[in-house]
N, C-alpha and C. Protein backbone atom coordinates (compact mmCIF):
# COMPACT_ATOMS: atom_id res chain seq x y z
N MET A 1 109.08 85.42 112.20
CA MET A 1 109.04 85.73 110.75
C MET A 1 109.00 84.40 110.18
N LYS A 2 108.12 84.29 109.17
CA LYS A 2 107.70 82.90 108.47
C LYS A 2 109.11 82.33 107.64
N ASN A 3 108.92 81.15 107.65
CA ASN A 3 109.70 80.46 106.81
C ASN A 3 109.04 79.53 105.81
N PHE A 4 109.38 80.04 104.63
CA PHE A 4 108.84 79.97 103.33
C PHE A 4 109.42 78.55 102.75
N ASN A 5 108.75 77.97 101.83
CA ASN A 5 109.24 76.71 101.28
C ASN A 5 109.01 76.79 100.08
N SER A 6 109.82 76.11 99.05
CA SER A 6 109.72 76.30 97.36
C SER A 6 108.68 76.13 97.05
N THR A 7 107.65 75.65 97.24
CA THR A 7 106.00 75.50 96.65
C THR A 7 105.53 77.02 96.90
N SER A 8 105.66 77.50 97.95
CA SER A 8 105.03 78.61 97.98
C SER A 8 105.76 79.61 97.37
N ASN A 9 107.14 79.82 97.28
CA ASN A 9 107.89 80.71 95.95
C ASN A 9 107.13 80.25 94.73
N SER A 10 106.98 79.26 94.36
CA SER A 10 106.56 79.20 92.83
C SER A 10 105.36 79.50 92.38
N SER A 11 104.57 79.20 93.82
CA SER A 11 102.89 80.13 93.44
C SER A 11 103.08 81.39 93.48
N LEU A 12 103.88 81.99 93.96
CA LEU A 12 104.22 83.70 93.76
C LEU A 12 104.95 84.01 92.61
N ASN A 13 105.69 82.95 91.99
CA ASN A 13 106.42 83.20 90.57
C ASN A 13 107.52 84.26 90.98
N LEU A 14 107.99 83.79 92.06
CA LEU A 14 109.52 84.51 92.53
C LEU A 14 110.57 83.77 92.27
N SER A 15 111.73 84.09 91.20
CA SER A 15 112.82 83.19 91.11
C SER A 15 113.77 83.14 91.93
N GLU A 16 114.56 82.20 92.14
CA GLU A 16 115.40 82.10 93.25
C GLU A 16 116.48 82.98 93.08
N SER A 17 116.78 83.43 91.70
CA SER A 17 118.21 84.22 91.47
C SER A 17 117.58 85.51 92.21
N ALA A 18 116.40 85.90 91.97
CA ALA A 18 115.64 87.47 92.15
C ALA A 18 115.61 87.38 94.06
N ILE A 19 115.27 86.23 94.52
CA ILE A 19 115.29 85.98 96.04
C ILE A 19 116.82 86.35 96.48
N ARG A 20 117.68 85.72 95.72
CA ARG A 20 119.44 85.61 96.12
C ARG A 20 119.51 86.81 96.07
N GLU A 21 119.30 87.62 95.20
CA GLU A 21 119.82 89.01 94.96
C GLU A 21 119.27 90.14 96.02
N ALA A 22 117.92 89.82 96.30
CA ALA A 22 117.22 90.65 97.32
C ALA A 22 118.08 90.52 98.62
N ALA A 23 117.91 88.96 99.09
CA ALA A 23 118.57 88.54 100.09
C ALA A 23 120.23 89.28 100.16
N TYR A 24 120.95 89.21 99.25
CA TYR A 24 122.24 89.96 99.44
C TYR A 24 122.06 91.00 99.88
N TYR A 25 121.38 91.95 99.30
CA TYR A 25 120.99 93.33 99.34
C TYR A 25 120.81 94.05 100.72
N ILE A 26 120.12 92.95 101.04
CA ILE A 26 119.36 93.06 102.45
C ILE A 26 120.42 92.57 103.74
N TRP A 27 121.28 91.53 103.27
CA TRP A 27 122.60 91.68 103.92
C TRP A 27 123.36 92.65 103.90
N LYS A 28 123.66 93.01 102.73
CA LYS A 28 124.64 94.23 102.79
C LYS A 28 124.11 95.59 103.43
N ASN A 29 122.95 95.69 103.59
CA ASN A 29 122.52 97.14 103.86
C ASN A 29 122.53 96.73 105.58
N ASN A 30 122.44 95.46 106.14
CA ASN A 30 122.14 95.40 107.57
C ASN A 30 123.88 95.34 108.24
N GLY A 31 124.63 95.60 107.21
CA GLY A 31 126.10 95.45 107.78
C GLY A 31 126.91 94.30 107.37
N CYS A 32 126.62 93.18 106.66
CA CYS A 32 127.19 91.93 106.52
C CYS A 32 127.20 90.89 107.89
N PRO A 33 126.03 91.14 108.59
CA PRO A 33 125.98 90.33 109.87
C PRO A 33 126.31 88.85 109.73
N ALA A 34 126.99 87.89 110.67
CA ALA A 34 127.27 86.67 110.17
C ALA A 34 125.71 86.01 110.87
N ASN A 35 125.72 84.78 110.07
CA ASN A 35 124.72 83.70 110.66
C ASN A 35 123.00 84.46 110.43
N THR A 36 122.95 85.25 109.15
CA THR A 36 121.37 86.02 109.27
C THR A 36 120.86 85.46 107.50
N SER A 37 121.72 84.27 107.17
CA SER A 37 121.40 83.92 105.83
C SER A 37 119.79 83.44 105.65
N LEU A 38 119.17 82.64 106.72
CA LEU A 38 117.75 82.31 106.67
C LEU A 38 116.76 83.51 106.87
N SER A 39 117.14 84.26 107.82
CA SER A 39 115.97 85.38 108.02
C SER A 39 116.11 86.44 106.92
N ASP A 40 117.61 86.77 106.43
CA ASP A 40 117.65 87.57 105.13
C ASP A 40 117.17 86.97 103.84
N TRP A 41 117.03 85.39 103.65
CA TRP A 41 116.30 85.14 102.35
C TRP A 41 114.77 85.28 102.65
N ASN A 42 114.15 84.84 104.01
CA ASN A 42 112.74 84.92 104.37
C ASN A 42 112.41 86.52 103.85
N ALA A 43 113.45 87.41 104.31
CA ALA A 43 113.14 89.00 104.28
C ALA A 43 113.02 89.37 102.76
N ALA A 44 113.59 88.66 102.20
CA ALA A 44 113.70 88.77 100.78
C ALA A 44 112.49 88.40 99.94
N ILE A 45 111.77 87.58 100.27
CA ILE A 45 110.85 86.71 99.95
C ILE A 45 109.84 87.35 100.47
N ASN A 46 109.56 88.07 101.41
CA ASN A 46 108.60 88.84 102.09
C ASN A 46 108.30 90.42 101.11
N GLN A 47 109.88 90.93 101.00
CA GLN A 47 110.03 92.11 100.35
C GLN A 47 109.31 91.88 98.98
N LEU A 48 109.71 90.88 98.03
CA LEU A 48 109.43 90.58 96.87
C LEU A 48 107.90 89.91 96.77
N SER A 49 107.54 89.66 97.48
CA SER A 49 105.83 88.96 97.43
C SER A 49 105.00 90.31 97.73
N SER A 50 105.53 91.25 98.64
CA SER A 50 104.64 92.46 98.75
C SER A 50 104.67 93.34 97.56
N MET A 51 105.75 93.47 97.09
CA MET A 51 106.13 94.08 95.57
C MET A 51 105.44 93.26 94.73
N ALA A 52 105.19 92.37 94.65
CA ALA A 52 104.15 91.51 93.62
C ALA A 52 102.99 91.82 93.94
N ALA A 53 102.27 91.94 94.95
CA ALA A 53 100.76 92.04 95.54
C ALA A 53 100.79 93.67 94.97
N LEU A 54 101.61 94.47 95.29
CA LEU A 54 101.03 95.81 95.09
C LEU A 54 101.18 95.94 93.59
N ASN A 55 101.83 95.41 92.60
CA ASN A 55 101.95 95.31 91.00
C ASN A 55 100.64 94.81 90.97
N SER A 56 100.36 93.93 91.37
CA SER A 56 99.17 93.16 91.10
C SER A 56 97.81 93.98 91.19
N ALA A 57 97.99 94.79 92.36
CA ALA A 57 96.97 95.67 92.59
C ALA A 57 96.71 96.82 91.79
N ALA A 58 98.10 97.24 91.40
CA ALA A 58 98.24 98.69 90.60
C ALA A 58 97.68 98.28 89.26
N LYS A 59 98.00 96.80 88.46
CA LYS A 59 97.15 96.46 87.41
C LYS A 59 95.90 96.42 87.18
N LYS A 60 95.02 95.95 88.83
CA LYS A 60 93.59 95.89 88.61
C LYS A 60 93.10 97.35 88.44
N ILE A 61 93.71 98.33 89.24
CA ILE A 61 93.21 99.77 89.30
C ILE A 61 93.43 100.09 87.84
N SER A 62 94.50 99.97 87.16
CA SER A 62 94.95 100.72 86.07
C SER A 62 93.92 99.87 84.87
N THR A 63 93.15 98.81 84.98
CA THR A 63 92.37 98.12 84.33
C THR A 63 90.89 98.51 84.46
N LYS A 64 90.91 98.94 85.29
CA LYS A 64 89.42 99.85 85.75
C LYS A 64 89.36 100.79 85.26
N THR A 65 90.55 101.94 85.33
CA THR A 65 90.64 103.11 84.74
C THR A 65 90.60 103.40 83.31
N SER A 66 91.53 102.12 82.90
CA SER A 66 91.66 102.22 81.31
C SER A 66 90.43 101.85 80.51
N SER A 67 89.30 101.52 81.29
CA SER A 67 88.31 101.29 80.51
C SER A 67 87.30 102.76 80.25
N CYS A 68 87.46 103.60 81.02
CA CYS A 68 87.16 104.87 80.80
C CYS A 68 87.77 105.60 79.79
N LYS A 69 87.00 106.75 79.16
CA LYS A 69 87.90 106.78 77.73
C LYS A 69 88.50 108.32 78.41
N ALA A 70 89.54 108.85 77.93
CA ALA A 70 90.50 110.08 78.15
C ALA A 70 89.50 111.00 78.11
N SER A 71 88.76 111.33 77.27
CA SER A 71 87.82 112.54 77.37
C SER A 71 86.81 112.72 78.69
N THR A 72 86.42 111.61 79.37
CA THR A 72 85.97 111.87 80.15
C THR A 72 87.00 112.21 81.77
N LEU A 73 88.15 111.82 81.27
CA LEU A 73 88.79 112.58 82.46
C LEU A 73 89.61 113.71 82.44
N VAL A 74 89.80 114.22 81.00
CA VAL A 74 90.36 115.41 80.86
C VAL A 74 89.39 116.15 80.04
N LYS A 75 89.28 117.51 80.77
CA LYS A 75 88.64 118.14 80.11
C LYS A 75 89.17 118.93 78.68
N LYS A 76 87.99 118.88 77.66
CA LYS A 76 88.80 119.20 76.70
C LYS A 76 88.62 120.72 76.22
N THR A 77 89.58 121.39 75.98
CA THR A 77 89.92 122.76 75.62
C THR A 77 90.11 123.06 73.99
N PRO A 78 88.67 124.09 73.62
CA PRO A 78 89.24 124.09 71.86
C PRO A 78 90.72 124.90 72.04
N VAL A 79 91.22 124.50 70.57
CA VAL A 79 92.87 124.84 70.46
C VAL A 79 92.69 126.12 69.64
N LYS A 80 93.18 127.19 69.39
CA LYS A 80 92.95 128.17 68.44
C LYS A 80 93.91 128.23 67.88
N LYS A 81 93.83 128.36 66.01
CA LYS A 81 94.51 128.33 65.15
C LYS A 81 95.42 129.56 65.01
N ALA A 82 96.42 129.60 64.52
CA ALA A 82 97.09 130.72 64.28
C ALA A 82 96.66 131.58 63.14
N ALA A 83 96.46 132.54 62.94
CA ALA A 83 95.92 133.14 61.80
C ALA A 83 96.91 133.19 60.79
N LYS A 84 96.41 132.90 59.71
CA LYS A 84 97.28 132.80 58.65
C LYS A 84 97.74 134.14 57.40
N THR A 85 99.03 134.34 57.59
CA THR A 85 99.58 135.52 56.81
C THR A 85 99.64 134.94 55.43
N THR A 86 99.54 135.66 54.25
CA THR A 86 99.76 135.46 52.89
C THR A 86 100.72 136.33 52.35
N ALA A 87 101.19 136.09 51.58
CA ALA A 87 102.30 136.98 50.82
C ALA A 87 101.24 138.10 50.10
N LYS A 88 100.50 137.69 49.31
CA LYS A 88 99.51 138.70 49.09
C LYS A 88 99.15 140.00 49.55
N LYS A 89 98.91 139.64 51.03
CA LYS A 89 98.41 140.91 51.85
C LYS A 89 99.60 141.60 52.20
N LYS A 90 100.78 141.23 52.38
CA LYS A 90 102.01 142.04 52.55
C LYS A 90 102.57 143.05 51.24
N SER A 91 102.02 142.21 50.13
CA SER A 91 102.56 142.79 48.99
C SER A 91 101.66 143.90 48.57
N SER A 92 100.31 143.88 48.91
CA SER A 92 99.51 144.66 48.29
C SER A 92 99.32 146.09 49.11
N LYS A 93 100.07 146.41 50.20
CA LYS A 93 100.30 147.43 50.58
C LYS A 93 100.80 148.74 49.82
């Protein structure tokens, strides 16, 4: 497992509180084992880094697809308008 230092955390824009919270849940989900704080901390950084990378990739993909017009992505179908009934037609019977 990699040991990340604070400079790599700042370049990833991971806050200490987010890492702390993720490490806590990793520790809780593993059954609260003793002496795992460093490995839980590093696992939290790995998970948050992976999530950040996925979000970044998703934004890049959405930017590429948002440049397309919706009309090219969705086939337009004509909408039929309901026939209007007027009071004159009903009263003339």
